[in-house]
Amino acid sequence: MELRGKRVMITGASRGIGEGLAHRFVAAGANVALVARSAESIEKLAADLDGTAHPADLGDPTQVATLINRVEDEAGPIDVLVNNAGIDLVGALWDTSPDDLAAIVQINLTAPMELCRQVIPRMLRRGRGHIVNISSLAACGLYPGLTAYSTAKAGLSHFTAGLRADLRGQPVNTTLVQMAGVPTDMLTHVSDYKPTEDSFRRGYQLHLVTDTPLDTLVTATVDAVVKERRHVRYPKRALLFPLLTEAPRRITEMMLAGVKHQA
C-alpha cells in the first residue's frame, strides 16, 4: 500500500510502540488518527504530527462500539487500522481480580476484534485497507505469571489468521506483529512477579530471546504495510516459535486451496 495521503488509526498511541508507530507512519507520508485514554498526551502528539486525536477508553465496550464511526466522522476514512493498545497483567491467575481479568481480555482481544468488525466493511466498500494487530511472542511460549496476558495475545494471533482467511481475495490485507521484549514501560513490569522475572532472565541467559529496539520494530511494521507482508517477528533468533505455532494454520490454508472464502 502506498501510504502517502492515507489515514492510519493507531490505538494506544500515547506512548511506547504506539507513539513510535505514529512518528514512523507520518514519516512515510501518512496522516494519523491517534486513540488513547490520555487526551492530553495524544492531543500534543497529534499537534506535533499534524494528525488528529480521539480520546477513548478501549476498556469500555460502549466507547469501542462507536469508535470507528466517530473517528471517520471526525477525521475521515481509515485506510489502515493498527490495533496496538494493550495492557499487561503479571502474577498468578488465582491472585488476579475479576475486574483485571476482564480488562485484559477486553483491551487486548475483544476491542481489536470489534474494531476490525466495524472497519472492514468500510474498507471493502472503498476497495482498500490494511489491518495491523500487535501481538506478542508470549502467544507462542508461556512464562509463569503471564497466563492471562499470553492467552489474550494468543487469541489475537489466531484471530488475525482467521481474518486473513476470511479476507482472501479481498482488497484488505493483514499484518500480525509478534515480538519479545521491547524497551518500553510495559517491559519493566515483569519484575513485579519473581517467577516471570526469572523466566525472562533465563531466556536472555540462553540467548533464545533478546530485546528488540523500538525503532527496529516500528520501521519493520510500517514497511510490512507498504509491502503487504503478513508477519513481523522479532527477534529473528526466536523465529522458530511463531513458525511452529503458525504451521497448522498454513497447512489448513493449503488444504482449503480452491475453496470459496466468501459467501
Protein backbone atom coordinates (compact mmCIF):
# COMPACT_ATOMS: atom_id res chain seq x y z
CA MET A 1 0.00 0.00 0.00
CA GLU A 2 1.22 3.46 -0.88
CA LEU A 3 0.98 5.36 2.42
CA ARG A 4 1.26 8.90 1.15
CA GLY A 5 -2.03 10.64 1.92
CA LYS A 6 -3.53 7.57 3.62
CA ARG A 7 -5.07 7.75 7.10
CA VAL A 8 -3.76 5.42 9.80
CA MET A 9 -5.71 4.93 13.02
CA ILE A 10 -3.46 3.82 15.89
CA THR A 11 -4.79 2.72 19.27
CA GLY A 12 -2.63 3.02 22.35
CA ALA A 13 -0.87 5.91 20.62
CA SER A 14 0.10 7.99 23.64
CA ARG A 15 3.44 6.27 24.32
CA GLY A 16 5.75 3.35 23.59
CA ILE A 17 5.14 1.36 20.43
CA GLY A 18 2.03 3.36 19.50
CA GLU A 19 3.85 6.68 19.66
CA GLY A 20 6.77 5.22 17.72
CA LEU A 21 4.42 3.92 15.02
CA ALA A 22 2.75 7.31 14.74
CA HIS A 23 6.07 9.02 14.03
CA ARG A 24 7.10 6.36 11.51
CA PHE A 25 3.79 6.38 9.61
CA VAL A 26 3.91 10.16 9.33
CA ALA A 27 7.50 9.95 8.06
CA ALA A 28 6.17 7.61 5.35
CA GLY A 29 3.66 10.25 4.27
CA ALA A 30 0.54 9.06 6.09
CA ASN A 31 -1.92 11.03 8.21
CA VAL A 32 -2.51 9.66 11.70
CA ALA A 33 -5.63 9.42 13.84
CA LEU A 34 -4.47 8.77 17.39
CA VAL A 35 -6.52 6.91 20.01
CA ALA A 36 -5.70 6.54 23.71
CA ARG A 37 -7.23 7.19 27.12
CA SER A 38 -4.87 10.10 27.78
CA ALA A 39 -6.38 13.04 25.94
CA GLU A 40 -3.57 15.43 26.81
CA SER A 41 -0.83 13.10 25.52
CA ILE A 42 -2.42 12.30 22.16
CA GLU A 43 -3.55 15.88 21.60
CA LYS A 44 0.04 17.05 21.99
CA LEU A 45 1.35 14.26 19.75
CA ALA A 46 -1.35 14.94 17.16
CA ALA A 47 -0.38 18.62 17.12
CA ASP A 48 3.28 17.70 16.64
CA LEU A 49 2.46 15.31 13.79
CA ASP A 50 -0.37 17.30 12.18
CA GLY A 51 -2.72 14.43 12.98
CA THR A 52 -5.97 14.10 14.89
CA ALA A 53 -6.64 13.00 18.47
CA HIS A 54 -9.58 10.84 19.53
CA PRO A 55 -9.56 10.12 23.28
CA ALA A 56 -11.24 6.81 24.13
CA ASP A 57 -11.06 4.08 26.75
CA LEU A 58 -10.92 0.71 24.98
CA GLY A 59 -11.74 -0.92 28.30
CA ASP A 60 -15.25 0.49 27.94
CA PRO A 61 -17.25 -1.56 25.38
CA THR A 62 -19.72 1.28 24.89
CA GLN A 63 -16.93 3.57 23.69
CA VAL A 64 -15.48 0.86 21.46
CA ALA A 65 -18.91 0.23 19.90
CA THR A 66 -18.95 3.64 18.18
CA LEU A 67 -15.23 4.36 17.83
CA ILE A 68 -14.70 3.69 14.11
CA ASN A 69 -17.74 5.75 13.19
CA ARG A 70 -16.58 8.55 15.46
CA VAL A 71 -13.01 8.63 14.11
CA GLU A 72 -14.19 8.61 10.49
CA ASP A 73 -16.71 11.37 11.25
CA GLU A 74 -14.00 13.48 12.91
CA ALA A 75 -11.01 12.71 10.69
CA GLY A 76 -12.09 10.91 7.51
CA PRO A 77 -11.86 7.37 6.09
CA ILE A 78 -9.49 4.94 7.80
CA ASP A 79 -7.13 3.18 5.38
CA VAL A 80 -5.01 1.38 7.98
CA LEU A 81 -6.13 0.24 11.42
CA VAL A 82 -3.36 -0.51 13.92
CA ASN A 83 -4.61 -2.37 16.99
CA ASN A 84 -1.72 -1.58 19.28
CA ALA A 85 -3.40 -0.74 22.60
CA GLY A 86 -2.69 -3.32 25.26
CA ILE A 87 -2.18 -3.82 28.95
CA ASP A 88 -0.08 -6.36 30.79
CA LEU A 89 -1.01 -8.47 33.81
CA VAL A 90 1.77 -10.17 35.76
CA GLY A 91 1.15 -12.63 38.56
CA ALA A 92 -0.60 -15.87 39.44
CA LEU A 93 -4.01 -16.18 37.81
CA TRP A 94 -5.71 -17.02 41.13
CA ASP A 95 -4.44 -13.77 42.62
CA THR A 96 -5.99 -11.77 39.78
CA SER A 97 -9.16 -9.80 40.42
CA PRO A 98 -12.21 -10.39 38.21
CA ASP A 99 -12.02 -6.77 37.02
CA ASP A 100 -8.36 -7.07 36.00
CA LEU A 101 -9.02 -10.33 34.18
CA ALA A 102 -11.96 -8.84 32.30
CA ALA A 103 -9.93 -5.74 31.41
CA ILE A 104 -7.03 -7.63 29.85
CA VAL A 105 -9.36 -9.68 27.66
CA GLN A 106 -11.41 -6.59 26.70
CA ILE A 107 -8.45 -4.36 25.80
CA ASN A 108 -6.05 -6.94 24.35
CA LEU A 109 -8.52 -9.09 22.44
CA THR A 110 -12.19 -8.06 22.35
CA ALA A 111 -11.60 -4.41 21.42
CA PRO A 112 -9.32 -5.23 18.45
CA MET A 113 -11.83 -7.82 17.20
CA GLU A 114 -14.69 -5.34 17.47
CA LEU A 115 -12.76 -2.53 15.76
CA CYS A 116 -11.93 -4.89 12.88
CA ARG A 117 -15.59 -5.88 12.66
CA GLN A 118 -16.55 -2.22 12.35
CA VAL A 119 -13.88 -1.03 9.93
CA ILE A 120 -13.59 -3.89 7.43
CA PRO A 121 -16.97 -3.32 5.70
CA ARG A 122 -15.96 0.31 5.15
CA MET A 123 -12.57 -0.73 3.75
CA LEU A 124 -14.21 -3.26 1.44
CA ARG A 125 -16.63 -0.64 0.10
CA ARG A 126 -13.69 1.68 -0.62
CA GLY A 127 -11.66 -1.11 -2.18
CA ARG A 128 -8.60 -0.75 0.05
CA GLY A 129 -7.44 -1.31 3.61
CA HIS A 130 -4.91 -2.89 5.92
CA ILE A 131 -5.20 -4.24 9.47
CA VAL A 132 -2.18 -4.42 11.80
CA ASN A 133 -2.57 -6.37 15.04
CA ILE A 134 0.21 -6.03 17.60
CA SER A 135 0.52 -9.36 19.39
CA SER A 136 3.49 -10.92 21.19
CA LEU A 137 5.74 -13.97 21.23
CA ALA A 138 4.00 -14.64 24.55
CA ALA A 139 1.25 -16.03 22.32
CA CYS A 140 3.64 -18.85 21.35
CA GLY A 141 5.62 -19.56 24.53
CA LEU A 142 4.23 -19.25 28.05
CA TYR A 143 6.12 -17.85 31.03
CA PRO A 144 4.76 -18.27 34.56
CA GLY A 145 2.84 -15.24 35.69
CA LEU A 146 1.72 -14.30 32.17
CA THR A 147 -1.18 -16.73 31.74
CA ALA A 148 -3.91 -14.12 31.17
CA TYR A 149 -1.72 -11.88 29.02
CA SER A 150 -0.44 -14.77 26.88
CA THR A 151 -3.95 -16.15 26.43
CA ALA A 152 -5.29 -12.82 25.16
CA LYS A 153 -2.34 -12.40 22.79
CA ALA A 154 -2.72 -15.98 21.53
CA GLY A 155 -6.35 -15.18 20.80
CA LEU A 156 -5.34 -12.06 18.89
CA SER A 157 -2.79 -14.01 16.83
CA HIS A 158 -5.30 -16.72 15.96
CA PHE A 159 -7.96 -14.11 15.22
CA THR A 160 -5.62 -12.42 12.74
CA ALA A 161 -5.05 -15.73 10.94
CA GLY A 162 -8.81 -16.26 10.75
CA LEU A 163 -9.31 -12.75 9.45
CA ARG A 164 -6.70 -13.39 6.78
CA ALA A 165 -8.64 -16.46 5.68
CA ASP A 166 -11.95 -14.58 5.58
CA LEU A 167 -10.36 -11.78 3.53
CA ARG A 168 -8.61 -13.96 0.98
CA GLY A 169 -9.07 -12.42 -2.46
CA GLN A 170 -10.34 -9.14 -0.99
CA PRO A 171 -8.54 -5.75 -1.14
CA VAL A 172 -7.91 -5.71 2.63
CA ASN A 173 -4.68 -7.16 3.99
CA THR A 174 -3.49 -8.09 7.48
CA THR A 175 -0.19 -7.96 9.33
CA LEU A 176 0.45 -9.76 12.61
CA VAL A 177 3.29 -8.38 14.73
CA GLN A 178 4.87 -10.73 17.26
CA MET A 179 7.89 -9.78 19.33
CA ALA A 180 9.61 -10.49 22.62
CA GLY A 181 10.66 -7.59 24.82
CA VAL A 182 10.69 -4.01 23.57
CA PRO A 183 12.25 -1.41 25.89
CA THR A 184 9.07 0.40 26.94
CA ASP A 185 7.28 0.95 30.26
CA MET A 186 5.42 -2.36 29.95
CA LEU A 187 8.63 -4.38 29.92
CA THR A 188 9.58 -3.11 33.38
CA HIS A 189 6.50 -4.81 34.89
CA VAL A 190 7.99 -8.31 34.52
CA SER A 191 9.98 -7.66 37.69
CA ASP A 192 6.70 -7.35 39.65
CA TYR A 193 6.48 -11.16 39.91
CA LYS A 194 9.65 -13.14 40.57
CA PRO A 195 8.81 -16.27 38.52
CA THR A 196 8.19 -14.04 35.50
CA GLU A 197 11.36 -12.05 36.11
CA ASP A 198 13.40 -15.27 36.47
CA SER A 199 11.88 -16.65 33.26
CA PHE A 200 12.90 -13.58 31.29
CA ARG A 201 16.38 -13.80 32.78
CA ARG A 202 16.66 -17.45 31.73
CA GLY A 203 15.66 -16.60 28.16
CA TYR A 204 18.29 -13.86 28.00
CA GLN A 205 20.97 -16.10 29.51
CA LEU A 206 20.32 -18.82 26.93
CA HIS A 207 20.33 -16.19 24.15
CA LEU A 208 16.99 -17.53 22.90
CA VAL A 209 15.40 -14.10 23.13
CA THR A 210 16.66 -10.56 23.16
CA ASP A 211 15.02 -7.17 23.35
CA THR A 212 14.06 -5.51 20.07
CA PRO A 213 14.82 -1.78 19.70
CA LEU A 214 11.65 0.26 19.31
CA ASP A 215 12.82 1.87 16.09
CA THR A 216 13.55 -1.54 14.55
CA LEU A 217 10.06 -2.79 15.33
CA VAL A 218 8.11 0.25 14.15
CA THR A 219 10.16 0.57 10.95
CA ALA A 220 9.55 -3.10 10.11
CA THR A 221 5.83 -2.73 10.85
CA VAL A 222 5.35 0.25 8.57
CA ASP A 223 7.40 -1.50 5.88
CA ALA A 224 5.11 -4.54 6.22
CA VAL A 225 2.08 -2.38 5.47
CA VAL A 226 3.77 -0.88 2.42
CA LYS A 227 4.81 -4.30 1.11
CA GLU A 228 1.65 -6.07 2.33
CA ARG A 229 3.53 -8.61 4.42
CA ARG A 230 1.62 -10.98 6.68
CA HIS A 231 4.05 -11.04 9.59
CA VAL A 232 6.60 -9.03 11.54
CA ARG A 233 8.55 -11.20 14.01
CA TYR A 234 11.38 -10.25 16.37
CA PRO A 235 13.91 -11.27 17.48
CA LYS A 236 14.93 -13.34 14.48
CA ARG A 237 16.67 -15.86 16.72
CA ALA A 238 13.26 -16.81 18.16
CA LEU A 239 11.63 -17.20 14.75
CA LEU A 240 11.07 -20.93 15.25
CA PHE A 241 8.46 -20.34 17.97
CA PRO A 242 5.90 -18.45 15.83
CA LEU A 243 6.67 -20.60 12.79
CA LEU A 244 5.79 -23.76 14.71
CA THR A 245 2.63 -22.14 16.04
CA GLU A 246 1.68 -20.97 12.55
CA ALA A 247 2.27 -24.37 10.91
CA PRO A 248 -1.23 -25.83 11.49
CA ARG A 249 -2.79 -22.63 10.13
CA ARG A 250 -0.67 -22.74 6.98
CA ILE A 251 -1.40 -26.44 6.48
CA THR A 252 -5.11 -25.65 6.75
CA GLU A 253 -4.68 -22.87 4.18
CA MET A 254 -3.14 -25.32 1.72
CA MET A 255 -5.86 -27.88 2.43
CA LEU A 256 -8.54 -25.29 1.61
CA ALA A 257 -6.95 -24.09 -1.63
CA GLY A 258 -9.73 -23.54 -4.14
CA VAL A 259 -12.48 -23.32 -1.54
CA LYS A 260 -14.51 -20.09 -1.69
CA HIS A 261 -13.80 -17.88 1.31
CA GLN A 262 -16.81 -15.59 0.99
CA ALA A 263 -20.49 -16.38 0.52
